[in-house]
Amino acid sequence: MAAYVYVLGSEHAGSRRTYVGWTTDLDQRLARHNAGTGAKSTRGRVWALLYAERFKTRSEAMSREWHLKRDRLFRKALGAG
């Protein structure tokens, strides 16, 4: 089953944030974040998908997520980091 790594962006009261995660269903995961049932750190904000990559396996996606979480320059270049 395919897995995805994604970067979400949000701006609230002048504060910009990004969130990096992985999933097997991008649309469902974004909806859960925006409904307040996603990760605790994403609650109370409106999120937009800024970037996504598709991988063949969950382990590949999780490895890429680890790297993207540490790449602040990449996230900042997306416009919300």
PDB file of N, CA and C in Angstrom:
ATOM      1  N   MET A   1       0.837  -1.184   0.000  1.00  0.00           N
ATOM      2  CA  MET A   1       0.000   0.000   0.000  1.00  0.00           C
ATOM      3  C   MET A   1       0.883   1.249   0.000  1.00  0.00           C
ATOM      4  N   ALA A   2       0.493   2.212  -0.785  1.00  0.00           N
ATOM      5  CA  ALA A   2       1.256   3.466  -0.865  1.00  0.00           C
ATOM      6  C   ALA A   2       1.120   4.256   0.428  1.00  0.00           C
ATOM      7  N   ALA A   3       2.162   5.000   0.732  1.00  0.00           N
ATOM      8  CA  ALA A   3       2.170   5.878   1.906  1.00  0.00           C
ATOM      9  C   ALA A   3       2.684   7.238   1.464  1.00  0.00           C
ATOM     10  N   TYR A   4       2.271   8.260   2.161  1.00  0.00           N
ATOM     11  CA  TYR A   4       2.616   9.625   1.806  1.00  0.00           C
ATOM     12  C   TYR A   4       3.243  10.345   2.989  1.00  0.00           C
ATOM     13  N   VAL A   5       4.181  11.225   2.686  1.00  0.00           N
ATOM     14  CA  VAL A   5       4.701  12.178   3.652  1.00  0.00           C
ATOM     15  C   VAL A   5       4.123  13.519   3.230  1.00  0.00           C
ATOM     16  N   TYR A   6       3.692  14.295   4.196  1.00  0.00           N
ATOM     17  CA  TYR A   6       3.067  15.574   3.862  1.00  0.00           C
ATOM     18  C   TYR A   6       3.554  16.666   4.785  1.00  0.00           C
ATOM     19  N   VAL A   7       3.463  17.895   4.274  1.00  0.00           N
ATOM     20  CA  VAL A   7       3.757  19.079   5.074  1.00  0.00           C
ATOM     21  C   VAL A   7       2.513  19.960   5.026  1.00  0.00           C
ATOM     22  N   LEU A   8       1.997  20.289   6.207  1.00  0.00           N
ATOM     23  CA  LEU A   8       0.853  21.178   6.319  1.00  0.00           C
ATOM     24  C   LEU A   8       1.333  22.546   6.770  1.00  0.00           C
ATOM     25  N   GLY A   9       0.611  23.570   6.388  1.00  0.00           N
ATOM     26  CA  GLY A   9       0.936  24.925   6.817  1.00  0.00           C
ATOM     27  C   GLY A   9      -0.294  25.602   7.383  1.00  0.00           C
ATOM     28  N   SER A  10      -0.066  26.479   8.361  1.00  0.00           N
ATOM     29  CA  SER A  10      -1.159  27.216   8.979  1.00  0.00           C
ATOM     30  C   SER A  10      -0.651  28.580   9.431  1.00  0.00           C
ATOM     31  N   GLU A  11      -1.516  29.569   9.307  1.00  0.00           N
ATOM     32  CA  GLU A  11      -1.200  30.903   9.823  1.00  0.00           C
ATOM     33  C   GLU A  11      -2.355  31.335  10.705  1.00  0.00           C
ATOM     34  N   HIS A  12      -2.022  31.742  11.922  1.00  0.00           N
ATOM     35  CA  HIS A  12      -3.044  32.137  12.885  1.00  0.00           C
ATOM     36  C   HIS A  12      -2.499  33.293  13.711  1.00  0.00           C
ATOM     37  N   ALA A  13      -3.183  34.414  13.677  1.00  0.00           N
ATOM     38  CA  ALA A  13      -2.789  35.608  14.446  1.00  0.00           C
ATOM     39  C   ALA A  13      -1.331  35.988  14.181  1.00  0.00           C
ATOM     40  N   GLY A  14      -0.925  35.921  12.921  1.00  0.00           N
ATOM     41  CA  GLY A  14       0.434  36.298  12.547  1.00  0.00           C
ATOM     42  C   GLY A  14       1.488  35.234  12.802  1.00  0.00           C
ATOM     43  N   SER A  15       1.093  34.121  13.381  1.00  0.00           N
ATOM     44  CA  SER A  15       2.028  33.029  13.673  1.00  0.00           C
ATOM     45  C   SER A  15       1.927  31.963  12.587  1.00  0.00           C
ATOM     46  N   ARG A  16       3.049  31.646  11.957  1.00  0.00           N
ATOM     47  CA  ARG A  16       3.074  30.631  10.914  1.00  0.00           C
ATOM     48  C   ARG A  16       3.662  29.341  11.470  1.00  0.00           C
ATOM     49  N   ARG A  17       3.044  28.236  11.105  1.00  0.00           N
ATOM     50  CA  ARG A  17       3.537  26.929  11.553  1.00  0.00           C
ATOM     51  C   ARG A  17       3.459  25.921  10.429  1.00  0.00           C
ATOM     52  N   THR A  18       4.317  24.912  10.544  1.00  0.00           N
ATOM     53  CA  THR A  18       4.231  23.766   9.646  1.00  0.00           C
ATOM     54  C   THR A  18       4.124  22.511  10.495  1.00  0.00           C
ATOM     55  N   TYR A  19       3.586  21.481   9.892  1.00  0.00           N
ATOM     56  CA  TYR A  19       3.478  20.183  10.541  1.00  0.00           C
ATOM     57  C   TYR A  19       3.842  19.135   9.498  1.00  0.00           C
ATOM     58  N   VAL A  20       4.679  18.190   9.881  1.00  0.00           N
ATOM     59  CA  VAL A  20       5.099  17.115   8.984  1.00  0.00           C
ATOM     60  C   VAL A  20       4.557  15.798   9.521  1.00  0.00           C
ATOM     61  N   GLY A  21       3.974  14.994   8.648  1.00  0.00           N
ATOM     62  CA  GLY A  21       3.446  13.697   9.062  1.00  0.00           C
ATOM     63  C   GLY A  21       3.450  12.728   7.898  1.00  0.00           C
ATOM     64  N   TRP A  22       2.946  11.527   8.169  1.00  0.00           N
ATOM     65  CA  TRP A  22       2.811  10.529   7.107  1.00  0.00           C
ATOM     66  C   TRP A  22       1.433   9.883   7.227  1.00  0.00           C
ATOM     67  N   THR A  23       0.935   9.350   6.120  1.00  0.00           N
ATOM     68  CA  THR A  23      -0.388   8.739   6.094  1.00  0.00           C
ATOM     69  C   THR A  23      -0.524   7.840   4.871  1.00  0.00           C
ATOM     70  N   THR A  24      -1.596   7.073   4.832  1.00  0.00           N
ATOM     71  CA  THR A  24      -1.927   6.299   3.632  1.00  0.00           C
ATOM     72  C   THR A  24      -3.077   6.956   2.868  1.00  0.00           C
ATOM     73  N   ASP A  25      -3.701   7.989   3.448  1.00  0.00           N
ATOM     74  CA  ASP A  25      -4.821   8.692   2.811  1.00  0.00           C
ATOM     75  C   ASP A  25      -4.716  10.189   3.103  1.00  0.00           C
ATOM     76  N   LEU A  26      -4.184  10.945   2.160  1.00  0.00           N
ATOM     77  CA  LEU A  26      -3.943  12.380   2.365  1.00  0.00           C
ATOM     78  C   LEU A  26      -5.219  13.166   2.652  1.00  0.00           C
ATOM     79  N   ASP A  27      -6.260  12.943   1.871  1.00  0.00           N
ATOM     80  CA  ASP A  27      -7.491  13.710   2.041  1.00  0.00           C
ATOM     81  C   ASP A  27      -8.112  13.481   3.421  1.00  0.00           C
ATOM     82  N   GLN A  28      -8.176  12.223   3.823  1.00  0.00           N
ATOM     83  CA  GLN A  28      -8.747  11.892   5.119  1.00  0.00           C
ATOM     84  C   GLN A  28      -7.902  12.477   6.258  1.00  0.00           C
ATOM     85  N   ARG A  29      -6.592  12.410   6.118  1.00  0.00           N
ATOM     86  CA  ARG A  29      -5.714  12.907   7.179  1.00  0.00           C
ATOM     87  C   ARG A  29      -5.833  14.421   7.336  1.00  0.00           C
ATOM     88  N   LEU A  30      -5.867  15.158   6.220  1.00  0.00           N
ATOM     89  CA  LEU A  30      -6.032  16.610   6.293  1.00  0.00           C
ATOM     90  C   LEU A  30      -7.368  16.962   6.944  1.00  0.00           C
ATOM     91  N   ALA A  31      -8.414  16.240   6.578  1.00  0.00           N
ATOM     92  CA  ALA A  31      -9.733  16.476   7.168  1.00  0.00           C
ATOM     93  C   ALA A  31      -9.703  16.240   8.673  1.00  0.00           C
ATOM     94  N   ARG A  32      -8.991  15.209   9.112  1.00  0.00           N
ATOM     95  CA  ARG A  32      -8.901  14.928  10.552  1.00  0.00           C
ATOM     96  C   ARG A  32      -8.136  16.035  11.279  1.00  0.00           C
ATOM     97  N   HIS A  33      -7.060  16.529  10.685  1.00  0.00           N
ATOM     98  CA  HIS A  33      -6.323  17.632  11.310  1.00  0.00           C
ATOM     99  C   HIS A  33      -7.228  18.861  11.448  1.00  0.00           C
ATOM    100  N   ASN A  34      -7.959  19.184  10.407  1.00  0.00           N
ATOM    101  CA  ASN A  34      -8.814  20.373  10.434  1.00  0.00           C
ATOM    102  C   ASN A  34     -10.045  20.196  11.315  1.00  0.00           C
ATOM    103  N   ALA A  35     -10.437  18.956  11.572  1.00  0.00           N
ATOM    104  CA  ALA A  35     -11.574  18.686  12.454  1.00  0.00           C
ATOM    105  C   ALA A  35     -11.153  18.647  13.925  1.00  0.00           C
ATOM    106  N   GLY A  36      -9.849  18.730  14.174  1.00  0.00           N
ATOM    107  CA  GLY A  36      -9.369  18.707  15.553  1.00  0.00           C
ATOM    108  C   GLY A  36      -9.144  17.316  16.102  1.00  0.00           C
ATOM    109  N   THR A  37      -9.183  16.295  15.226  1.00  0.00           N
ATOM    110  CA  THR A  37      -8.973  14.924  15.685  1.00  0.00           C
ATOM    111  C   THR A  37      -7.649  14.352  15.199  1.00  0.00           C
ATOM    112  N   GLY A  38      -6.805  15.212  14.666  1.00  0.00           N
ATOM    113  CA  GLY A  38      -5.473  14.779  14.231  1.00  0.00           C
ATOM    114  C   GLY A  38      -4.503  14.871  15.391  1.00  0.00           C
ATOM    115  N   ALA A  39      -3.275  15.154  15.107  1.00  0.00           N
ATOM    116  CA  ALA A  39      -2.251  15.277  16.140  1.00  0.00           C
ATOM    117  C   ALA A  39      -2.601  16.416  17.100  1.00  0.00           C
ATOM    118  N   LYS A  40      -2.249  16.240  18.344  1.00  0.00           N
ATOM    119  CA  LYS A  40      -2.572  17.239  19.369  1.00  0.00           C
ATOM    120  C   LYS A  40      -2.011  18.621  19.027  1.00  0.00           C
ATOM    121  N   SER A  41      -0.820  18.655  18.441  1.00  0.00           N
ATOM    122  CA  SER A  41      -0.186  19.938  18.124  1.00  0.00           C
ATOM    123  C   SER A  41      -0.847  20.666  16.957  1.00  0.00           C
ATOM    124  N   THR A  42      -1.767  20.023  16.254  1.00  0.00           N
ATOM    125  CA  THR A  42      -2.419  20.677  15.115  1.00  0.00           C
ATOM    126  C   THR A  42      -3.817  21.183  15.453  1.00  0.00           C
ATOM    127  N   ARG A  43      -4.292  20.917  16.636  1.00  0.00           N
ATOM    128  CA  ARG A  43      -5.662  21.303  17.002  1.00  0.00           C
ATOM    129  C   ARG A  43      -5.810  22.817  17.126  1.00  0.00           C
ATOM    130  N   GLY A  44      -6.994  23.311  16.730  1.00  0.00           N
ATOM    131  CA  GLY A  44      -7.296  24.728  16.873  1.00  0.00           C
ATOM    132  C   GLY A  44      -6.786  25.597  15.740  1.00  0.00           C
ATOM    133  N   ARG A  45      -6.307  24.992  14.675  1.00  0.00           N
ATOM    134  CA  ARG A  45      -5.816  25.744  13.516  1.00  0.00           C
ATOM    135  C   ARG A  45      -6.449  25.192  12.248  1.00  0.00           C
ATOM    136  N   VAL A  46      -6.441  26.014  11.211  1.00  0.00           N
ATOM    137  CA  VAL A  46      -6.874  25.568   9.886  1.00  0.00           C
ATOM    138  C   VAL A  46      -5.613  25.276   9.083  1.00  0.00           C
ATOM    139  N   TRP A  47      -5.518  24.069   8.567  1.00  0.00           N
ATOM    140  CA  TRP A  47      -4.315  23.615   7.874  1.00  0.00           C
ATOM    141  C   TRP A  47      -4.556  23.464   6.385  1.00  0.00           C
ATOM    142  N   ALA A  48      -3.511  23.736   5.608  1.00  0.00           N
ATOM    143  CA  ALA A  48      -3.536  23.541   4.159  1.00  0.00           C
ATOM    144  C   ALA A  48      -2.359  22.646   3.785  1.00  0.00           C
ATOM    145  N   LEU A  49      -2.575  21.791   2.813  1.00  0.00           N
ATOM    146  CA  LEU A  49      -1.507  20.919   2.339  1.00  0.00           C
ATOM    147  C   LEU A  49      -0.530  21.741   1.506  1.00  0.00           C
ATOM    148  N   LEU A  50       0.736  21.775   1.935  1.00  0.00           N
ATOM    149  CA  LEU A  50       1.769  22.526   1.220  1.00  0.00           C
ATOM    150  C   LEU A  50       2.608  21.636   0.320  1.00  0.00           C
ATOM    151  N   TYR A  51       2.775  20.371   0.720  1.00  0.00           N
ATOM    152  CA  TYR A  51       3.704  19.496   0.016  1.00  0.00           C
ATOM    153  C   TYR A  51       3.388  18.045   0.346  1.00  0.00           C
ATOM    154  N   ALA A  52       3.576  17.156  -0.619  1.00  0.00           N
ATOM    155  CA  ALA A  52       3.393  15.722  -0.370  1.00  0.00           C
ATOM    156  C   ALA A  52       4.307  14.916  -1.289  1.00  0.00           C
ATOM    157  N   GLU A  53       4.755  13.785  -0.780  1.00  0.00           N
ATOM    158  CA  GLU A  53       5.548  12.825  -1.552  1.00  0.00           C
ATOM    159  C   GLU A  53       4.922  11.448  -1.376  1.00  0.00           C
ATOM    160  N   ARG A  54       4.935  10.647  -2.443  1.00  0.00           N
ATOM    161  CA  ARG A  54       4.359   9.299  -2.404  1.00  0.00           C
ATOM    162  C   ARG A  54       5.491   8.273  -2.332  1.00  0.00           C
ATOM    163  N   PHE A  55       5.294   7.247  -1.502  1.00  0.00           N
ATOM    164  CA  PHE A  55       6.268   6.171  -1.353  1.00  0.00           C
ATOM    165  C   PHE A  55       5.578   4.821  -1.475  1.00  0.00           C
ATOM    166  N   LYS A  56       6.350   3.814  -1.827  1.00  0.00           N
ATOM    167  CA  LYS A  56       5.787   2.467  -1.976  1.00  0.00           C
ATOM    168  C   LYS A  56       5.488   1.809  -0.641  1.00  0.00           C
ATOM    169  N   THR A  57       6.282   2.143   0.378  1.00  0.00           N
ATOM    170  CA  THR A  57       6.110   1.497   1.669  1.00  0.00           C
ATOM    171  C   THR A  57       5.989   2.503   2.809  1.00  0.00           C
ATOM    172  N   ARG A  58       5.395   2.031   3.881  1.00  0.00           N
ATOM    173  CA  ARG A  58       5.256   2.837   5.087  1.00  0.00           C
ATOM    174  C   ARG A  58       6.622   3.205   5.659  1.00  0.00           C
ATOM    175  N   SER A  59       7.551   2.272   5.653  1.00  0.00           N
ATOM    176  CA  SER A  59       8.866   2.547   6.239  1.00  0.00           C
ATOM    177  C   SER A  59       9.622   3.618   5.455  1.00  0.00           C
ATOM    178  N   GLU A  60       9.472   3.648   4.144  1.00  0.00           N
ATOM    179  CA  GLU A  60      10.100   4.704   3.344  1.00  0.00           C
ATOM    180  C   GLU A  60       9.504   6.063   3.703  1.00  0.00           C
ATOM    181  N   ALA A  61       8.192   6.103   3.846  1.00  0.00           N
ATOM    182  CA  ALA A  61       7.516   7.360   4.196  1.00  0.00           C
ATOM    183  C   ALA A  61       7.935   7.833   5.584  1.00  0.00           C
ATOM    184  N   MET A  62       8.028   6.913   6.520  1.00  0.00           N
ATOM    185  CA  MET A  62       8.409   7.283   7.883  1.00  0.00           C
ATOM    186  C   MET A  62       9.849   7.788   7.945  1.00  0.00           C
ATOM    187  N   SER A  63      10.720   7.215   7.139  1.00  0.00           N
ATOM    188  CA  SER A  63      12.110   7.672   7.084  1.00  0.00           C
ATOM    189  C   SER A  63      12.179   9.090   6.523  1.00  0.00           C
ATOM    190  N   ARG A  64      11.439   9.336   5.462  1.00  0.00           N
ATOM    191  CA  ARG A  64      11.420  10.672   4.851  1.00  0.00           C
ATOM    192  C   ARG A  64      10.805  11.694   5.811  1.00  0.00           C
ATOM    193  N   GLU A  65       9.764  11.285   6.545  1.00  0.00           N
ATOM    194  CA  GLU A  65       9.156  12.175   7.538  1.00  0.00           C
ATOM    195  C   GLU A  65      10.204  12.603   8.570  1.00  0.00           C
ATOM    196  N   TRP A  66      11.008  11.677   9.042  1.00  0.00           N
ATOM    197  CA  TRP A  66      12.048  11.964  10.021  1.00  0.00           C
ATOM    198  C   TRP A  66      12.987  13.050   9.491  1.00  0.00           C
ATOM    199  N   HIS A  67      13.379  12.926   8.222  1.00  0.00           N
ATOM    200  CA  HIS A  67      14.293  13.900   7.623  1.00  0.00           C
ATOM    201  C   HIS A  67      13.627  15.265   7.430  1.00  0.00           C
ATOM    202  N   LEU A  68      12.387  15.274   6.963  1.00  0.00           N
ATOM    203  CA  LEU A  68      11.697  16.547   6.741  1.00  0.00           C
ATOM    204  C   LEU A  68      11.427  17.291   8.038  1.00  0.00           C
ATOM    205  N   LYS A  69      11.186  16.566   9.121  1.00  0.00           N
ATOM    206  CA  LYS A  69      10.952  17.224  10.407  1.00  0.00           C
ATOM    207  C   LYS A  69      12.171  18.007  10.865  1.00  0.00           C
ATOM    208  N   ARG A  70      13.337  17.602  10.413  1.00  0.00           N
ATOM    209  CA  ARG A  70      14.577  18.267  10.809  1.00  0.00           C
ATOM    210  C   ARG A  70      15.059  19.292   9.782  1.00  0.00           C
ATOM    211  N   ASP A  71      14.388  19.392   8.656  1.00  0.00           N
ATOM    212  CA  ASP A  71      14.806  20.296   7.582  1.00  0.00           C
ATOM    213  C   ASP A  71      13.999  21.589   7.625  1.00  0.00           C
ATOM    214  N   ARG A  72      14.352  22.478   8.544  1.00  0.00           N
ATOM    215  CA  ARG A  72      13.617  23.731   8.703  1.00  0.00           C
ATOM    216  C   ARG A  72      13.718  24.631   7.487  1.00  0.00           C
ATOM    217  N   LEU A  73      14.847  24.617   6.806  1.00  0.00           N
ATOM    218  CA  LEU A  73      14.995  25.461   5.616  1.00  0.00           C
ATOM    219  C   LEU A  73      14.008  25.052   4.518  1.00  0.00           C
ATOM    220  N   PHE A  74      13.828  23.747   4.333  1.00  0.00           N
ATOM    221  CA  PHE A  74      12.884  23.266   3.333  1.00  0.00           C
ATOM    222  C   PHE A  74      11.469  23.708   3.703  1.00  0.00           C
ATOM    223  N   ARG A  75      11.091  23.533   4.974  1.00  0.00           N
ATOM    224  CA  ARG A  75       9.756  23.909   5.406  1.00  0.00           C
ATOM    225  C   ARG A  75       9.530  25.409   5.301  1.00  0.00           C
ATOM    226  N   LYS A  76      10.551  26.192   5.594  1.00  0.00           N
ATOM    227  CA  LYS A  76      10.429  27.650   5.479  1.00  0.00           C
ATOM    228  C   LYS A  76      10.253  28.050   4.016  1.00  0.00           C
ATOM    229  N   ALA A  77      10.947  27.370   3.126  1.00  0.00           N
ATOM    230  CA  ALA A  77      10.835  27.676   1.697  1.00  0.00           C
ATOM    231  C   ALA A  77       9.422  27.388   1.160  1.00  0.00           C
ATOM    232  N   LEU A  78       8.683  26.527   1.830  1.00  0.00           N
ATOM    233  CA  LEU A  78       7.308  26.245   1.412  1.00  0.00           C
ATOM    234  C   LEU A  78       6.376  27.405   1.710  1.00  0.00           C
ATOM    235  N   GLY A  79       6.832  28.338   2.533  1.00  0.00           N
ATOM    236  CA  GLY A  79       6.061  29.545   2.761  1.00  0.00           C
ATOM    237  C   GLY A  79       5.323  29.636   4.069  1.00  0.00           C
ATOM    238  N   ALA A  80       5.466  28.646   4.922  1.00  0.00           N
ATOM    239  CA  ALA A  80       4.741  28.729   6.198  1.00  0.00           C
ATOM    240  C   ALA A  80       5.585  28.201   7.348  1.00  0.00           C
ATOM    241  N   GLY A  81       6.856  28.340   7.279  1.00  0.00           N
ATOM    242  CA  GLY A  81       7.658  27.728   8.318  1.00  0.00           C
ATOM    243  C   GLY A  81       8.436  28.673   9.112  1.00  0.00           C
TER     244      GLY A  81
END
